[in-house]
Amino acid sequence: MDKKKKVLISFDTVRPGFEELVEWADMTRRPEGESFTREEMMEIGAQYDALATQFTFPVDRELIDAFPNIKLIANYGVGYNNIDVAYAHSKGITVTNTPRAVIQPTAELTMGLLLSCSRKIAMWDRHMRRTKSSSKSLSDSSGMATNLCGKTIGIIGYGNIGRAVGHMAQAFGMTVLYNKRHQLDAATEQELGVTYADLDKIFTECDVVSLHTPYNEDSHHLVSASRLAQMKRSAILINAARGAVVDEAALVHALQTGEIAAAGLDVFEHSDNPLPELYEMEQVTMTPHVGTQTYEARVAMAQELCNCIIGYFEGDRPISIVK
């Protein structure tokens, strides 16, 4: 019998979902509620065949070099800009991610942010907590919300999550425009009930712009001051993708000057340090990168992660490889 592969699970998450890997591998993880520190990983890395890491944990050259025998870095999440993928590939290391498990929860959070912005849910919640009253003491102009039905949403990055958001938006009676690198064929557009639009059209004509594009050199500050200036003054911006897709300083200015009406943000340009002005804005709803933070999603992500690890070494199932 072949010796079991040694796998390091570097992060803390739910226990269910790892059952198959527990049986298949010689797996190391910390007690529930604890994660390995970078220093600990550097010390013990040489003994492992695979490293499982979380999407928020940087895996740079130094850390990769501390794992001289690994063949696989399995990322617990869909985004992988936390990993120096090019360097990993240069060392002959395969990188995988978990794109399927994150679709539904991220799309649901996107719609939650949108509803909070359009119906001013977070604003009214803060108002009631401050005043200890259910009376509507805000003026009609400041407290007035807007329907989603009949509005147009522009989805930038129309992959699996973008499609799920589009489907949900249609259930609210919204028209869906989308932008992606390669336009869908006419039959697929008709089947999905969506229309391709260039970025100029999306920013100038849509009532909501929702971001679901990966972060790379091309998407850095895709939402710039000039793009924000194109938007309707009544428009809402939603970002559940990556923080640096938006020029955060430009967004603050656009919100302060009324260039756009509201923003729903699950991610920030500097992930742990949103600009302080955002905390003071009633028209902004913020969440701390919780797009996949549901029990069901984390179990499904664990299962997908384990499939990637076992599938890579056994070659017995499809896995999601980062190119």
Protein backbone atom coordinates (compact mmCIF):
# COMPACT_ATOMS: atom_id res chain seq x y z
CA MET A 1 0.00 0.00 0.00
CA ASP A 2 1.31 3.43 -0.94
CA LYS A 3 2.25 5.77 1.85
CA LYS A 4 -0.40 8.40 2.53
CA LYS A 5 0.23 11.89 1.18
CA LYS A 6 0.95 14.47 3.85
CA VAL A 7 -1.42 17.44 3.63
CA LEU A 8 -1.29 20.61 5.73
CA ILE A 9 -4.62 22.37 6.31
CA SER A 10 -3.30 25.76 7.38
CA PHE A 11 -6.56 27.49 8.30
CA ASP A 12 -9.54 27.07 10.62
CA THR A 13 -12.98 26.33 9.20
CA VAL A 14 -15.89 23.94 9.69
CA ARG A 15 -15.00 20.28 10.24
CA PRO A 16 -17.73 18.68 8.08
CA GLY A 17 -16.66 18.30 4.45
CA PHE A 18 -13.17 16.96 5.21
CA GLU A 19 -14.24 13.37 5.95
CA GLU A 20 -12.88 11.83 2.75
CA LEU A 21 -9.54 13.62 3.08
CA VAL A 22 -9.21 12.52 6.72
CA GLU A 23 -9.39 8.90 5.54
CA TRP A 24 -7.25 9.33 2.41
CA ALA A 25 -4.39 11.53 3.63
CA ASP A 26 -2.04 12.02 6.53
CA MET A 27 -3.63 15.36 7.32
CA THR A 28 -2.40 17.99 9.78
CA ARG A 29 -4.57 20.79 11.13
CA ARG A 30 -4.80 22.81 14.32
CA PRO A 31 -7.51 22.30 16.95
CA GLU A 32 -10.86 23.83 16.09
CA GLY A 33 -10.76 27.62 16.31
CA GLU A 34 -7.02 27.84 15.55
CA SER A 35 -4.94 28.36 12.40
CA PHE A 36 -1.24 27.88 11.72
CA THR A 37 0.85 31.03 11.85
CA ARG A 38 3.17 31.88 8.99
CA GLU A 39 6.16 31.17 11.23
CA GLU A 40 4.85 27.73 12.14
CA MET A 41 4.24 26.91 8.48
CA MET A 42 7.77 27.98 7.57
CA GLU A 43 9.18 25.61 10.18
CA ILE A 44 7.22 22.48 9.26
CA GLY A 45 6.68 22.94 5.51
CA ALA A 46 9.38 20.55 4.27
CA GLN A 47 7.46 17.43 5.29
CA TYR A 48 4.31 18.06 3.22
CA ASP A 49 3.15 16.98 -0.24
CA ALA A 50 0.28 19.48 -0.43
CA LEU A 51 -0.68 22.77 1.20
CA ALA A 52 -4.29 23.83 1.65
CA THR A 53 -4.57 27.54 2.27
CA GLN A 54 -7.31 30.11 2.70
CA PHE A 55 -8.08 32.84 0.18
CA THR A 56 -7.12 35.56 2.70
CA PHE A 57 -3.66 34.14 3.49
CA PRO A 58 -0.67 35.32 1.39
CA VAL A 59 1.31 32.49 -0.19
CA ASP A 60 4.39 34.27 -1.53
CA ARG A 61 7.77 33.07 -2.77
CA GLU A 62 9.26 32.79 0.70
CA LEU A 63 6.43 30.60 1.94
CA ILE A 64 6.42 28.46 -1.20
CA ASP A 65 10.17 27.90 -0.80
CA ALA A 66 9.52 26.67 2.75
CA PHE A 67 7.53 23.79 1.22
CA PRO A 68 10.20 22.30 -1.10
CA ASN A 69 8.38 19.01 -1.63
CA ILE A 70 4.82 20.12 -2.32
CA LYS A 71 3.21 19.37 -5.64
CA LEU A 72 -0.09 21.13 -4.95
CA ILE A 73 -1.39 24.34 -3.38
CA ALA A 74 -5.14 23.97 -2.88
CA ASN A 75 -6.89 27.28 -2.27
CA TYR A 76 -10.04 27.35 -0.13
CA GLY A 77 -11.91 29.94 -2.21
CA VAL A 78 -12.33 31.01 -5.81
CA GLY A 79 -10.02 34.04 -5.81
CA TYR A 80 -6.33 33.23 -5.90
CA ASN A 81 -4.54 36.57 -5.98
CA ASN A 82 -3.28 35.66 -2.49
CA ILE A 83 -0.97 33.13 -4.17
CA ASP A 84 2.08 33.84 -6.31
CA VAL A 85 0.74 31.51 -8.99
CA ALA A 86 3.47 32.26 -11.52
CA TYR A 87 6.18 31.36 -9.02
CA ALA A 88 4.34 28.21 -7.97
CA HIS A 89 4.08 27.14 -11.61
CA SER A 90 7.79 27.83 -12.12
CA LYS A 91 8.48 25.35 -9.31
CA GLY A 92 6.25 22.72 -10.91
CA ILE A 93 3.48 23.21 -8.35
CA THR A 94 -0.17 22.96 -9.40
CA VAL A 95 -2.65 25.47 -7.91
CA THR A 96 -6.36 24.71 -7.51
CA ASN A 97 -9.37 26.64 -6.24
CA THR A 98 -13.03 26.04 -5.29
CA PRO A 99 -15.17 27.96 -7.79
CA ARG A 100 -18.42 26.01 -7.63
CA ALA A 101 -19.16 26.15 -3.91
CA VAL A 102 -18.97 29.95 -3.74
CA ILE A 103 -21.52 30.76 -6.45
CA GLN A 104 -24.83 30.77 -4.56
CA PRO A 105 -23.71 32.37 -1.27
CA THR A 106 -21.82 35.18 -3.00
CA ALA A 107 -24.76 35.91 -5.29
CA GLU A 108 -27.12 35.94 -2.31
CA LEU A 109 -24.91 38.40 -0.43
CA THR A 110 -24.76 40.60 -3.53
CA MET A 111 -28.54 40.81 -3.58
CA GLY A 112 -28.55 41.46 0.16
CA LEU A 113 -26.21 44.42 -0.28
CA LEU A 114 -28.33 45.68 -3.16
CA LEU A 115 -31.55 45.44 -1.17
CA SER A 116 -29.92 47.22 1.76
CA CYS A 117 -28.85 50.07 -0.51
CA SER A 118 -32.05 50.35 -2.53
CA ARG A 119 -34.42 50.13 0.46
CA LYS A 120 -32.03 51.87 2.89
CA ILE A 121 -32.26 48.95 5.30
CA ALA A 122 -28.92 49.56 7.02
CA MET A 123 -29.67 53.28 7.32
CA TRP A 124 -33.04 52.66 8.99
CA ASP A 125 -31.49 50.05 11.28
CA ARG A 126 -28.86 52.54 12.47
CA HIS A 127 -31.52 55.25 12.85
CA MET A 128 -33.73 53.09 15.06
CA ARG A 129 -30.81 52.02 17.23
CA ARG A 130 -29.73 55.65 17.69
CA THR A 131 -33.19 57.02 18.44
CA LYS A 132 -34.59 53.99 20.31
CA SER A 133 -37.79 54.66 18.39
CA SER A 134 -39.74 53.22 15.46
CA SER A 135 -41.08 56.62 14.38
CA LYS A 136 -39.89 57.75 10.94
CA SER A 137 -38.28 61.03 11.96
CA LEU A 138 -36.08 61.32 8.87
CA SER A 139 -37.34 63.64 6.18
CA ASP A 140 -39.09 62.15 3.16
CA SER A 141 -36.19 63.12 0.93
CA SER A 142 -33.48 61.45 3.01
CA GLY A 143 -35.56 58.41 3.91
CA MET A 144 -37.06 57.69 0.50
CA ALA A 145 -36.00 54.37 -1.01
CA THR A 146 -36.36 52.91 -4.51
CA ASN A 147 -37.77 49.75 -6.07
CA LEU A 148 -35.64 47.20 -7.88
CA CYS A 149 -38.48 46.11 -10.16
CA GLY A 150 -38.23 47.90 -13.49
CA LYS A 151 -34.60 48.91 -12.99
CA THR A 152 -31.56 47.83 -15.03
CA ILE A 153 -28.56 46.07 -13.51
CA GLY A 154 -25.20 45.97 -15.26
CA ILE A 155 -23.10 42.97 -14.29
CA ILE A 156 -19.36 43.30 -14.93
CA GLY A 157 -17.79 39.85 -14.91
CA TYR A 158 -20.44 37.45 -16.11
CA GLY A 159 -19.01 34.16 -14.91
CA ASN A 160 -20.79 31.73 -12.62
CA ILE A 161 -21.40 34.25 -9.83
CA GLY A 162 -22.40 36.99 -12.27
CA ARG A 163 -24.91 34.67 -13.91
CA ALA A 164 -26.40 33.73 -10.55
CA VAL A 165 -26.77 37.41 -9.66
CA GLY A 166 -28.43 38.05 -13.01
CA HIS A 167 -30.92 35.25 -12.42
CA MET A 168 -31.79 36.60 -8.98
CA ALA A 169 -32.10 40.15 -10.30
CA GLN A 170 -34.53 38.96 -12.96
CA ALA A 171 -36.69 37.47 -10.21
CA PHE A 172 -36.98 41.03 -8.84
CA GLY A 173 -38.13 42.25 -12.26
CA MET A 174 -34.82 43.80 -13.29
CA THR A 175 -33.39 44.01 -16.81
CA VAL A 176 -29.91 42.49 -17.02
CA LEU A 177 -27.01 43.85 -19.06
CA TYR A 178 -23.66 42.11 -18.80
CA ASN A 179 -20.04 42.65 -19.74
CA LYS A 180 -17.36 40.00 -20.04
CA ARG A 181 -14.26 39.44 -22.10
CA HIS A 182 -16.02 37.23 -24.63
CA GLN A 183 -19.64 37.91 -25.51
CA LEU A 184 -22.04 34.97 -25.26
CA ASP A 185 -23.57 33.63 -28.44
CA ALA A 186 -27.01 34.91 -29.39
CA ALA A 187 -28.80 31.69 -28.46
CA THR A 188 -27.34 31.69 -24.94
CA GLU A 189 -28.18 35.37 -24.45
CA GLN A 190 -31.75 34.67 -25.49
CA GLU A 191 -31.99 31.65 -23.20
CA LEU A 192 -30.68 33.64 -20.22
CA GLY A 193 -32.62 36.78 -21.09
CA VAL A 194 -29.57 39.04 -20.94
CA THR A 195 -27.97 41.60 -23.24
CA TYR A 196 -24.28 42.31 -23.79
CA ALA A 197 -23.15 45.91 -23.28
CA ASP A 198 -19.81 47.67 -23.36
CA LEU A 199 -18.57 49.39 -20.22
CA ASP A 200 -19.62 52.84 -21.36
CA LYS A 201 -23.22 51.68 -21.75
CA ILE A 202 -23.21 49.90 -18.40
CA PHE A 203 -21.85 52.85 -16.46
CA THR A 204 -24.03 55.45 -18.16
CA GLU A 205 -27.35 53.61 -18.44
CA CYS A 206 -27.62 51.15 -15.56
CA ASP A 207 -29.35 51.83 -12.26
CA VAL A 208 -27.12 49.28 -10.55
CA VAL A 209 -23.55 48.25 -11.41
CA SER A 210 -22.50 44.97 -9.80
CA LEU A 211 -18.87 43.82 -9.93
CA HIS A 212 -17.92 40.16 -10.25
CA THR A 213 -14.69 40.32 -12.23
CA PRO A 214 -11.43 38.71 -11.09
CA TYR A 215 -8.68 41.04 -9.91
CA ASN A 216 -5.72 41.43 -12.26
CA GLU A 217 -3.75 44.19 -13.96
CA ASP A 218 -6.60 44.86 -16.38
CA SER A 219 -9.25 45.18 -13.67
CA HIS A 220 -7.20 47.31 -11.23
CA HIS A 221 -9.27 50.46 -10.57
CA LEU A 222 -11.68 49.47 -13.32
CA VAL A 223 -14.17 51.62 -11.41
CA SER A 224 -12.23 54.88 -11.58
CA ALA A 225 -13.19 58.50 -10.99
CA SER A 226 -14.06 58.87 -14.66
CA ARG A 227 -16.26 55.76 -14.62
CA LEU A 228 -18.05 56.90 -11.46
CA ALA A 229 -18.68 60.27 -13.11
CA GLN A 230 -20.47 58.44 -15.93
CA MET A 231 -23.01 56.85 -13.59
CA LYS A 232 -26.49 58.13 -12.86
CA ARG A 233 -26.79 60.18 -9.70
CA SER A 234 -29.39 57.66 -8.58
CA ALA A 235 -27.15 54.65 -9.30
CA ILE A 236 -25.94 52.02 -6.84
CA LEU A 237 -22.52 50.33 -6.99
CA ILE A 238 -22.10 46.82 -5.56
CA ASN A 239 -18.69 45.20 -5.09
CA ALA A 240 -18.52 41.57 -3.99
CA ALA A 241 -15.49 40.83 -6.19
CA ARG A 242 -12.11 42.25 -5.14
CA GLY A 243 -11.51 45.55 -3.41
CA ALA A 244 -8.92 47.04 -5.76
CA VAL A 245 -11.28 46.74 -8.72
CA VAL A 246 -12.61 50.03 -7.32
CA ASP A 247 -10.59 53.20 -6.76
CA GLU A 248 -11.82 53.60 -3.18
CA ALA A 249 -10.78 57.24 -2.82
CA ALA A 250 -12.67 58.06 -6.02
CA LEU A 251 -15.70 56.18 -4.70
CA VAL A 252 -15.66 58.17 -1.46
CA HIS A 253 -15.58 61.40 -3.49
CA ALA A 254 -18.43 60.22 -5.71
CA LEU A 255 -20.57 59.40 -2.68
CA GLN A 256 -19.70 62.64 -0.90
CA THR A 257 -20.58 64.77 -3.92
CA GLY A 258 -23.69 62.83 -4.90
CA GLU A 259 -22.30 61.51 -8.18
CA ILE A 260 -23.86 58.18 -7.22
CA ALA A 261 -26.53 57.37 -4.65
CA ALA A 262 -25.19 54.41 -2.71
CA ALA A 263 -22.69 51.58 -2.49
CA GLY A 264 -22.74 48.06 -1.09
CA LEU A 265 -19.24 46.77 -0.34
CA ASP A 266 -18.08 43.34 0.80
CA VAL A 267 -14.46 44.02 -0.17
CA PHE A 268 -12.12 46.99 0.11
CA GLU A 269 -9.02 48.25 -1.68
CA HIS A 270 -6.92 47.73 1.44
CA SER A 271 -8.74 44.73 2.84
CA ASP A 272 -8.35 45.42 6.56
CA ASN A 273 -8.50 49.20 6.33
CA PRO A 274 -11.48 50.69 4.49
CA LEU A 275 -11.18 54.44 4.13
CA PRO A 276 -12.55 56.02 7.33
CA GLU A 277 -15.04 58.18 5.44
CA LEU A 278 -16.98 55.06 4.46
CA TYR A 279 -17.88 54.35 8.09
CA GLU A 280 -19.66 57.69 8.35
CA MET A 281 -21.79 57.39 5.21
CA GLU A 282 -25.43 56.42 5.70
CA GLN A 283 -25.70 55.46 2.02
CA VAL A 284 -23.01 52.78 2.31
CA THR A 285 -23.62 49.20 3.45
CA MET A 286 -20.44 47.32 4.35
CA THR A 287 -19.68 43.70 5.20
CA PRO A 288 -16.21 42.29 6.01
CA HIS A 289 -15.66 39.94 3.03
CA VAL A 290 -18.36 37.44 4.06
CA GLY A 291 -19.58 36.37 0.62
CA THR A 292 -19.01 32.70 1.41
CA GLN A 293 -19.52 32.85 5.15
CA THR A 294 -22.44 30.48 5.47
CA TYR A 295 -22.25 27.04 7.03
CA GLU A 296 -23.48 25.36 3.86
CA ALA A 297 -20.97 27.18 1.68
CA ARG A 298 -18.01 26.39 3.91
CA VAL A 299 -18.91 22.68 4.00
CA ALA A 300 -19.26 22.64 0.20
CA MET A 301 -15.94 24.49 -0.15
CA ALA A 302 -14.27 21.90 2.09
CA GLN A 303 -15.65 19.09 -0.07
CA GLU A 304 -14.49 20.83 -3.24
CA LEU A 305 -11.05 21.45 -1.73
CA CYS A 306 -10.73 17.79 -0.76
CA ASN A 307 -11.83 16.72 -4.24
CA CYS A 308 -9.05 18.87 -5.69
CA ILE A 309 -6.41 17.36 -3.42
CA ILE A 310 -7.45 13.74 -3.87
CA GLY A 311 -8.24 14.21 -7.55
CA TYR A 312 -4.83 15.74 -8.23
CA PHE A 313 -2.91 12.81 -6.77
CA GLU A 314 -5.30 10.02 -7.82
CA GLY A 315 -6.43 11.41 -11.17
CA ASP A 316 -9.88 9.96 -10.56
CA ARG A 317 -12.09 13.06 -10.71
CA PRO A 318 -12.25 16.52 -12.27
CA ILE A 319 -10.53 19.34 -10.39
CA SER A 320 -10.38 23.11 -10.80
CA ILE A 321 -6.84 24.05 -11.85
CA VAL A 322 -5.70 27.67 -11.85
CA LYS A 323 -3.94 28.37 -15.15
